[in-house]
PDB file of N, CA and C in Angstrom:
ATOM      1  N   MET A   1     112.449  84.409  91.569  1.00  0.00           N
ATOM      2  CA  MET A   1     112.185  83.391  91.487  1.00  0.00           C
ATOM      3  C   MET A   1     112.082  82.581  92.405  1.00  0.00           C
ATOM      4  N   PRO A   2     110.964  81.682  92.308  1.00  0.00           N
ATOM      5  CA  PRO A   2     110.093  81.000  93.595  1.00  0.00           C
ATOM      6  C   PRO A   2     110.545  79.773  93.897  1.00  0.00           C
ATOM      7  N   PHE A   3     110.049  80.064  96.044  1.00  0.00           N
ATOM      8  CA  PHE A   3     110.845  78.667  96.500  1.00  0.00           C
ATOM      9  C   PHE A   3     109.615  77.427  95.970  1.00  0.00           C
ATOM     10  N   TYR A   4     110.394  76.386  95.935  1.00  0.00           N
ATOM     11  CA  TYR A   4     109.349  75.451  95.347  1.00  0.00           C
ATOM     12  C   TYR A   4     109.946  74.324  96.842  1.00  0.00           C
ATOM     13  N   VAL A   5     108.541  73.400  97.651  1.00  0.00           N
ATOM     14  CA  VAL A   5     109.037  72.734  98.498  1.00  0.00           C
ATOM     15  C   VAL A   5     108.655  71.076  97.954  1.00  0.00           C
ATOM     16  N   TYR A   6     109.947  70.572  98.506  1.00  0.00           N
ATOM     17  CA  TYR A   6     109.981  68.844  97.656  1.00  0.00           C
ATOM     18  C   TYR A   6     109.972  67.907  99.076  1.00  0.00           C
ATOM     19  N   ARG A   7     109.058  66.766  99.132  1.00  0.00           N
ATOM     20  CA  ARG A   7     108.794  65.780 100.118  1.00  0.00           C
ATOM     21  C   ARG A   7     109.715  64.379  99.470  1.00  0.00           C
ATOM     22  N   CYS A   8     110.699  63.907 100.251  1.00  0.00           N
ATOM     23  CA  CYS A   8     110.962  62.440  99.670  1.00  0.00           C
ATOM     24  C   CYS A   8     110.231  61.607 100.346  1.00  0.00           C
ATOM     25  N   GLU A   9     110.021  60.884  99.409  1.00  0.00           N
ATOM     26  CA  GLU A   9     109.161  59.715  99.721  1.00  0.00           C
ATOM     27  C   GLU A   9     109.606  58.101 100.386  1.00  0.00           C
ATOM     28  N   GLY A  10     111.430  58.340 100.338  1.00  0.00           N
ATOM     29  CA  GLY A  10     111.774  57.537 101.064  1.00  0.00           C
ATOM     30  C   GLY A  10     112.102  57.667 102.488  1.00  0.00           C
ATOM     31  N   CYS A  11     112.755  58.912 102.431  1.00  0.00           N
ATOM     32  CA  CYS A  11     112.937  58.992 103.989  1.00  0.00           C
ATOM     33  C   CYS A  11     112.460  60.323 104.643  1.00  0.00           C
ATOM     34  N   GLY A  12     111.177  61.076 104.002  1.00  0.00           N
ATOM     35  CA  GLY A  12     110.348  62.079 104.247  1.00  0.00           C
ATOM     36  C   GLY A  12     110.830  63.614 104.570  1.00  0.00           C
ATOM     37  N   ARG A  13     112.100  63.421 104.557  1.00  0.00           N
ATOM     38  CA  ARG A  13     112.739  64.669 104.459  1.00  0.00           C
ATOM     39  C   ARG A  13     112.541  66.027 103.600  1.00  0.00           C
ATOM     40  N   GLU A  14     111.957  67.096 104.035  1.00  0.00           N
ATOM     41  CA  GLU A  14     111.286  68.115 103.385  1.00  0.00           C
ATOM     42  C   GLU A  14     112.092  69.710 103.151  1.00  0.00           C
ATOM     43  N   LEU A  15     112.406  69.875 102.033  1.00  0.00           N
ATOM     44  CA  LEU A  15     113.691  70.716 101.283  1.00  0.00           C
ATOM     45  C   LEU A  15     112.745  71.937 100.518  1.00  0.00           C
ATOM     46  N   GLU A  16     113.538  73.175 100.920  1.00  0.00           N
ATOM     47  CA  GLU A  16     113.002  74.746 100.159  1.00  0.00           C
ATOM     48  C   GLU A  16     114.123  74.658  98.889  1.00  0.00           C
ATOM     49  N   VAL A  17     113.729  74.865  98.117  1.00  0.00           N
ATOM     50  CA  VAL A  17     114.932  74.852  96.744  1.00  0.00           C
ATOM     51  C   VAL A  17     113.885  76.303  96.058  1.00  0.00           C
ATOM     52  N   LEU A  18     114.940  77.049  96.225  1.00  0.00           N
ATOM     53  CA  LEU A  18     114.625  78.599  94.979  1.00  0.00           C
ATOM     54  C   LEU A  18     115.273  77.868  93.557  1.00  0.00           C
ATOM     55  N   GLN A  19     114.188  78.361  92.698  1.00  0.00           N
ATOM     56  CA  GLN A  19     114.348  77.623  91.362  1.00  0.00           C
ATOM     57  C   GLN A  19     113.809  78.659  90.779  1.00  0.00           C
ATOM     58  N   GLY A  20     114.174  78.268  89.450  1.00  0.00           N
ATOM     59  CA  GLY A  20     113.345  79.404  88.017  1.00  0.00           C
ATOM     60  C   GLY A  20     112.099  78.659  87.737  1.00  0.00           C
ATOM     61  N   ILE A  21     110.959  79.302  87.102  1.00  0.00           N
ATOM     62  CA  ILE A  21     109.801  78.645  86.869  1.00  0.00           C
ATOM     63  C   ILE A  21     110.643  77.865  86.122  1.00  0.00           C
ATOM     64  N   ASN A  22     111.342  78.099  84.884  1.00  0.00           N
ATOM     65  CA  ASN A  22     111.331  77.316  83.759  1.00  0.00           C
ATOM     66  C   ASN A  22     112.246  76.148  83.941  1.00  0.00           C
ATOM     67  N   ASP A  23     112.962  75.783  85.504  1.00  0.00           N
ATOM     68  CA  ASP A  23     113.624  75.323  85.740  1.00  0.00           C
ATOM     69  C   ASP A  23     113.325  73.680  85.537  1.00  0.00           C
ATOM     70  N   GLU A  24     114.019  72.333  85.720  1.00  0.00           N
ATOM     71  CA  GLU A  24     113.379  70.862  85.677  1.00  0.00           C
ATOM     72  C   GLU A  24     113.075  70.660  87.269  1.00  0.00           C
ATOM     73  N   PRO A  25     112.067  70.376  88.181  1.00  0.00           N
ATOM     74  CA  PRO A  25     112.227  70.048  88.844  1.00  0.00           C
ATOM     75  C   PRO A  25     112.432  68.820  89.564  1.00  0.00           C
ATOM     76  N   LEU A  26     113.287  68.886  90.778  1.00  0.00           N
ATOM     77  CA  LEU A  26     114.215  67.568  91.493  1.00  0.00           C
ATOM     78  C   LEU A  26     113.205  66.656  91.517  1.00  0.00           C
ATOM     79  N   SER A  27     114.604  65.206  91.546  1.00  0.00           N
ATOM     80  CA  SER A  27     113.832  64.526  91.430  1.00  0.00           C
ATOM     81  C   SER A  27     113.987  63.401  92.067  1.00  0.00           C
ATOM     82  N   ARG A  28     115.291  63.435  92.719  1.00  0.00           N
ATOM     83  CA  ARG A  28     116.056  62.578  94.095  1.00  0.00           C
ATOM     84  C   ARG A  28     116.622  63.328  94.581  1.00  0.00           C
ATOM     85  N   CYS A  29     116.540  62.690  96.174  1.00  0.00           N
ATOM     86  CA  CYS A  29     116.930  62.925  97.157  1.00  0.00           C
ATOM     87  C   CYS A  29     118.137  62.706  97.489  1.00  0.00           C
ATOM     88  N   SER A  30     119.038  63.895  97.781  1.00  0.00           N
ATOM     89  CA  SER A  30     120.252  64.026  98.036  1.00  0.00           C
ATOM     90  C   SER A  30     120.817  63.177  99.486  1.00  0.00           C
ATOM     91  N   GLU A  31     119.843  62.500 100.015  1.00  0.00           N
ATOM     92  CA  GLU A  31     120.647  62.188 101.079  1.00  0.00           C
ATOM     93  C   GLU A  31     120.234  60.654 101.135  1.00  0.00           C
ATOM     94  N   CYS A  32     119.219  60.289 100.624  1.00  0.00           N
ATOM     95  CA  CYS A  32     118.629  58.880 100.640  1.00  0.00           C
ATOM     96  C   CYS A  32     118.731  58.261  99.071  1.00  0.00           C
ATOM     97  N   GLY A  33     118.544  59.012  97.958  1.00  0.00           N
ATOM     98  CA  GLY A  33     118.250  58.843  96.704  1.00  0.00           C
ATOM     99  C   GLY A  33     117.041  58.342  96.158  1.00  0.00           C
ATOM    100  N   GLY A  34     115.997  58.951  97.456  1.00  0.00           N
ATOM    101  CA  GLY A  34     114.553  58.453  97.240  1.00  0.00           C
ATOM    102  C   GLY A  34     113.892  59.428  95.632  1.00  0.00           C
ATOM    103  N   VAL A  35     112.882  59.038  95.739  1.00  0.00           N
ATOM    104  CA  VAL A  35     111.773  60.379  94.756  1.00  0.00           C
ATOM    105  C   VAL A  35     111.313  61.367  95.803  1.00  0.00           C
ATOM    106  N   LEU A  36     111.375  62.551  94.771  1.00  0.00           N
ATOM    107  CA  LEU A  36     111.036  63.623  95.584  1.00  0.00           C
ATOM    108  C   LEU A  36     109.906  64.134  94.815  1.00  0.00           C
ATOM    109  N   LYS A  37     109.074  64.602  95.426  1.00  0.00           N
ATOM    110  CA  LYS A  37     107.753  65.052  94.791  1.00  0.00           C
ATOM    111  C   LYS A  37     107.321  66.646  95.122  1.00  0.00           C
ATOM    112  N   ARG A  38     107.162  67.195  94.349  1.00  0.00           N
ATOM    113  CA  ARG A  38     107.005  68.582  94.627  1.00  0.00           C
ATOM    114  C   ARG A  38     105.754  69.029  95.513  1.00  0.00           C
ATOM    115  N   LEU A  39     105.391  69.689  97.284  1.00  0.00           N
ATOM    116  CA  LEU A  39     104.358  70.000  97.500  1.00  0.00           C
ATOM    117  C   LEU A  39     104.172  71.176  96.435  1.00  0.00           C
ATOM    118  N   ILE A  40     102.707  71.543  97.025  1.00  0.00           N
ATOM    119  CA  ILE A  40     101.908  72.462  96.396  1.00  0.00           C
ATOM    120  C   ILE A  40     101.543  73.573  97.527  1.00  0.00           C
ATOM    121  N   PHE A  41     101.863  75.059  97.755  1.00  0.00           N
ATOM    122  CA  PHE A  41     101.596  75.542  98.657  1.00  0.00           C
ATOM    123  C   PHE A  41     100.943  76.945  97.794  1.00  0.00           C
ATOM    124  N   PRO A  42     100.088  77.652  98.597  1.00  0.00           N
ATOM    125  CA  PRO A  42      99.406  78.819  98.016  1.00  0.00           C
ATOM    126  C   PRO A  42     100.797  79.875  97.844  1.00  0.00           C
ATOM    127  N   PRO A  43     100.581  80.238  97.003  1.00  0.00           N
ATOM    128  CA  PRO A  43     101.662  81.690  96.988  1.00  0.00           C
ATOM    129  C   PRO A  43     101.483  82.299  98.215  1.00  0.00           C
ATOM    130  N   THR A  44     102.660  83.396  98.313  1.00  0.00           N
ATOM    131  CA  THR A  44     102.866  84.630  99.032  1.00  0.00           C
ATOM    132  C   THR A  44     102.510  85.627  98.635  1.00  0.00           C
ATOM    133  N   VAL A  45     101.664  86.749  99.412  1.00  0.00           N
ATOM    134  CA  VAL A  45     101.298  87.719  98.724  1.00  0.00           C
ATOM    135  C   VAL A  45     102.210  89.049  99.824  1.00  0.00           C
ATOM    136  N   ILE A  46     102.656  89.953  99.129  1.00  0.00           N
ATOM    137  CA  ILE A  46     103.517  90.695  99.545  1.00  0.00           C
ATOM    138  C   ILE A  46     102.808  91.996  99.060  1.00  0.00           C
ATOM    139  N   PHE A  47     102.764  93.064 100.139  1.00  0.00           N
ATOM    140  CA  PHE A  47     101.391  94.202  99.163  1.00  0.00           C
ATOM    141  C   PHE A  47     102.918  95.279  99.901  1.00  0.00           C
ATOM    142  N   LYS A  48     103.636  96.068  98.847  1.00  0.00           N
ATOM    143  CA  LYS A  48     104.501  97.289  99.012  1.00  0.00           C
ATOM    144  C   LYS A  48     103.353  98.357  98.152  1.00  0.00           C
ATOM    145  N   GLY A  49     104.166  99.537  98.714  1.00  0.00           N
ATOM    146  CA  GLY A  49     103.871 100.661  98.483  1.00  0.00           C
ATOM    147  C   GLY A  49     102.893 101.086  99.645  1.00  0.00           C
ATOM    148  N   THR A  50     102.105 102.273  99.286  1.00  0.00           N
ATOM    149  CA  THR A  50     101.226 102.953  99.772  1.00  0.00           C
ATOM    150  C   THR A  50      99.788 102.755  99.181  1.00  0.00           C
ATOM    151  N   GLY A  51      99.083 103.058 100.524  1.00  0.00           N
ATOM    152  CA  GLY A  51      97.210 102.577  99.883  1.00  0.00           C
ATOM    153  C   GLY A  51      96.848 101.176 100.262  1.00  0.00           C
ATOM    154  N   PHE A  52      97.755 100.443 101.233  1.00  0.00           N
ATOM    155  CA  PHE A  52      96.989  99.295 101.431  1.00  0.00           C
ATOM    156  C   PHE A  52      97.030  99.111 103.045  1.00  0.00           C
ATOM    157  N   TYR A  53      97.270 100.511 103.345  1.00  0.00           N
ATOM    158  CA  TYR A  53      96.412 100.246 105.210  1.00  0.00           C
ATOM    159  C   TYR A  53      95.565 102.066 105.173  1.00  0.00           C
ATOM    160  N   CYS A  54      94.759 101.906 106.042  1.00  0.00           N
ATOM    161  CA  CYS A  54      93.308 102.714 106.079  1.00  0.00           C
ATOM    162  C   CYS A  54      93.912 104.092 106.752  1.00  0.00           C
ATOM    163  N   THR A  55      95.089 103.809 107.188  1.00  0.00           N
ATOM    164  CA  THR A  55      95.509 105.248 107.119  1.00  0.00           C
ATOM    165  C   THR A  55      96.516 106.369 106.064  1.00  0.00           C
ATOM    166  N   ASP A  56      96.823 105.593 105.263  1.00  0.00           N
ATOM    167  CA  ASP A  56      97.258 105.666 103.977  1.00  0.00           C
ATOM    168  C   ASP A  56      96.377 106.130 102.845  1.00  0.00           C
ATOM    169  N   TYR A  57      95.152 105.964 103.454  1.00  0.00           N
ATOM    170  CA  TYR A  57      94.131 106.338 102.283  1.00  0.00           C
ATOM    171  C   TYR A  57      93.819 108.292 102.299  1.00  0.00           C
ATOM    172  N   ARG A  58      93.723 108.309 103.711  1.00  0.00           N
ATOM    173  CA  ARG A  58      93.217 109.727 104.224  1.00  0.00           C
ATOM    174  C   ARG A  58      94.701 110.555 104.690  1.00  0.00           C
ATOM    175  N   LYS A  59      95.010 110.229 104.115  1.00  0.00           N
ATOM    176  CA  LYS A  59      96.453 111.527 104.842  1.00  0.00           C
ATOM    177  C   LYS A  59      96.297 113.074 104.473  1.00  0.00           C
ATOM    178  N   GLY A  60      95.491 113.384 103.703  1.00  0.00           N
ATOM    179  CA  GLY A  60      95.102 114.480 103.239  1.00  0.00           C
ATOM    180  C   GLY A  60      93.918 115.456 104.343  1.00  0.00           C
ATOM    181  N   ASN A  61      92.845 114.136 104.694  1.00  0.00           N
ATOM    182  CA  ASN A  61      91.492 114.777 105.039  1.00  0.00           C
ATOM    183  C   ASN A  61      91.651 114.489 106.742  1.00  0.00           C
ATOM    184  N   PRO A  62      91.426 115.406 107.365  1.00  0.00           N
ATOM    185  CA  PRO A  62      91.493 115.441 108.951  1.00  0.00           C
ATOM    186  C   PRO A  62      90.071 114.601 109.317  1.00  0.00           C
ATOM    187  N   PRO A  63      90.002 113.915 110.535  1.00  0.00           N
ATOM    188  CA  PRO A  63      88.832 112.766 110.720  1.00  0.00           C
ATOM    189  C   PRO A  63      87.059 114.106 110.830  1.00  0.00           C
ATOM    190  N   LYS A  64      86.571 113.604 110.732  1.00  0.00           N
ATOM    191  CA  LYS A  64      84.906 113.933 111.358  1.00  0.00           C
ATOM    192  C   LYS A  64      85.073 115.177 112.260  1.00  0.00           C
ATOM    193  N   GLU A  65      85.580 114.559 113.500  1.00  0.00           N
ATOM    194  CA  GLU A  65      85.536 115.161 114.609  1.00  0.00           C
ATOM    195  C   GLU A  65      86.186 115.903 114.658  1.00  0.00           C
ATOM    196  N   GLU A  66      87.667 116.303 114.160  1.00  0.00           N
ATOM    197  CA  GLU A  66      88.609 117.454 113.958  1.00  0.00           C
ATOM    198  C   GLU A  66      87.860 118.697 113.293  1.00  0.00           C
ATOM    199  N   LYS A  67      86.977 118.161 112.378  1.00  0.00           N
ATOM    200  CA  LYS A  67      86.376 119.322 111.316  1.00  0.00           C
ATOM    201  C   LYS A  67      85.389 119.952 112.464  1.00  0.00           C
ATOM    202  N   GLU A  68      84.206 119.145 113.027  1.00  0.00           N
ATOM    203  CA  GLU A  68      83.313 119.594 113.671  1.00  0.00           C
ATOM    204  C   GLU A  68      83.961 120.655 114.980  1.00  0.00           C
ATOM    205  N   ASP A  69      84.996 119.740 116.263  1.00  0.00           N
ATOM    206  CA  ASP A  69      85.628 120.782 116.758  1.00  0.00           C
ATOM    207  C   ASP A  69      86.209 122.074 116.308  1.00  0.00           C
ATOM    208  N   SER A  70      86.864 121.810 114.919  1.00  0.00           N
ATOM    209  CA  SER A  70      87.232 123.246 114.789  1.00  0.00           C
ATOM    210  C   SER A  70      86.018 124.154 113.917  1.00  0.00           C
ATOM    211  N   GLY A  71      85.390 123.627 113.503  1.00  0.00           N
ATOM    212  CA  GLY A  71      83.941 124.395 113.100  1.00  0.00           C
ATOM    213  C   GLY A  71      83.282 125.732 114.322  1.00  0.00           C
ATOM    214  N   GLY A  72      82.970 124.476 115.537  1.00  0.00           N
ATOM    215  CA  GLY A  72      82.507 125.578 116.810  1.00  0.00           C
ATOM    216  C   GLY A  72      83.233 126.482 117.515  1.00  0.00           C
ATOM    217  N   LYS A  73      84.761 125.840 117.092  1.00  0.00           N
ATOM    218  CA  LYS A  73      85.726 127.364 118.193  1.00  0.00           C
ATOM    219  C   LYS A  73      85.711 128.002 116.880  1.00  0.00           C
ATOM    220  N   ASN A  74      85.481 128.277 115.620  1.00  0.00           N
ATOM    221  CA  ASN A  74      85.551 129.107 114.927  1.00  0.00           C
ATOM    222  C   ASN A  74      84.495 130.420 115.384  1.00  0.00           C
ATOM    223  N   SER A  75      83.044 129.598 115.182  1.00  0.00           N
ATOM    224  CA  SER A  75      81.963 130.269 115.469  1.00  0.00           C
ATOM    225  C   SER A  75      81.584 130.833 116.704  1.00  0.00           C
ATOM    226  N   ASP A  76      82.686 130.206 117.890  1.00  0.00           N
ATOM    227  CA  ASP A  76      82.406 130.733 119.155  1.00  0.00           C
ATOM    228  C   ASP A  76      83.212 131.952 119.163  1.00  0.00           C
ATOM    229  N   SER A  77      84.375 132.318 118.667  1.00  0.00           N
ATOM    230  CA  SER A  77      85.531 133.136 118.931  1.00  0.00           C
ATOM    231  C   SER A  77      85.231 134.418 117.930  1.00  0.00           C
ATOM    232  N   GLY A  78      84.132 134.145 116.906  1.00  0.00           N
ATOM    233  CA  GLY A  78      83.968 135.195 116.092  1.00  0.00           C
ATOM    234  C   GLY A  78      82.805 135.951 116.590  1.00  0.00           C
TER     235      GLY A  78
END
């Protein structure tokens, strides 16, 4: 369920309310009885799971520098 932010036109109080999408919007301030207006904010985006960081994409592959170093060591010892 999303949070909605309301501002009272009478007293200027702002409040956050957890409401369902199909719930009726609030219309009256509980403190002064003024009219409430719903404020519009951009949605919050939360990335969960793997694959959102550059380190998650390269879990099995060593960086190029390590490949070059290990290749040079093998040719010198053999």
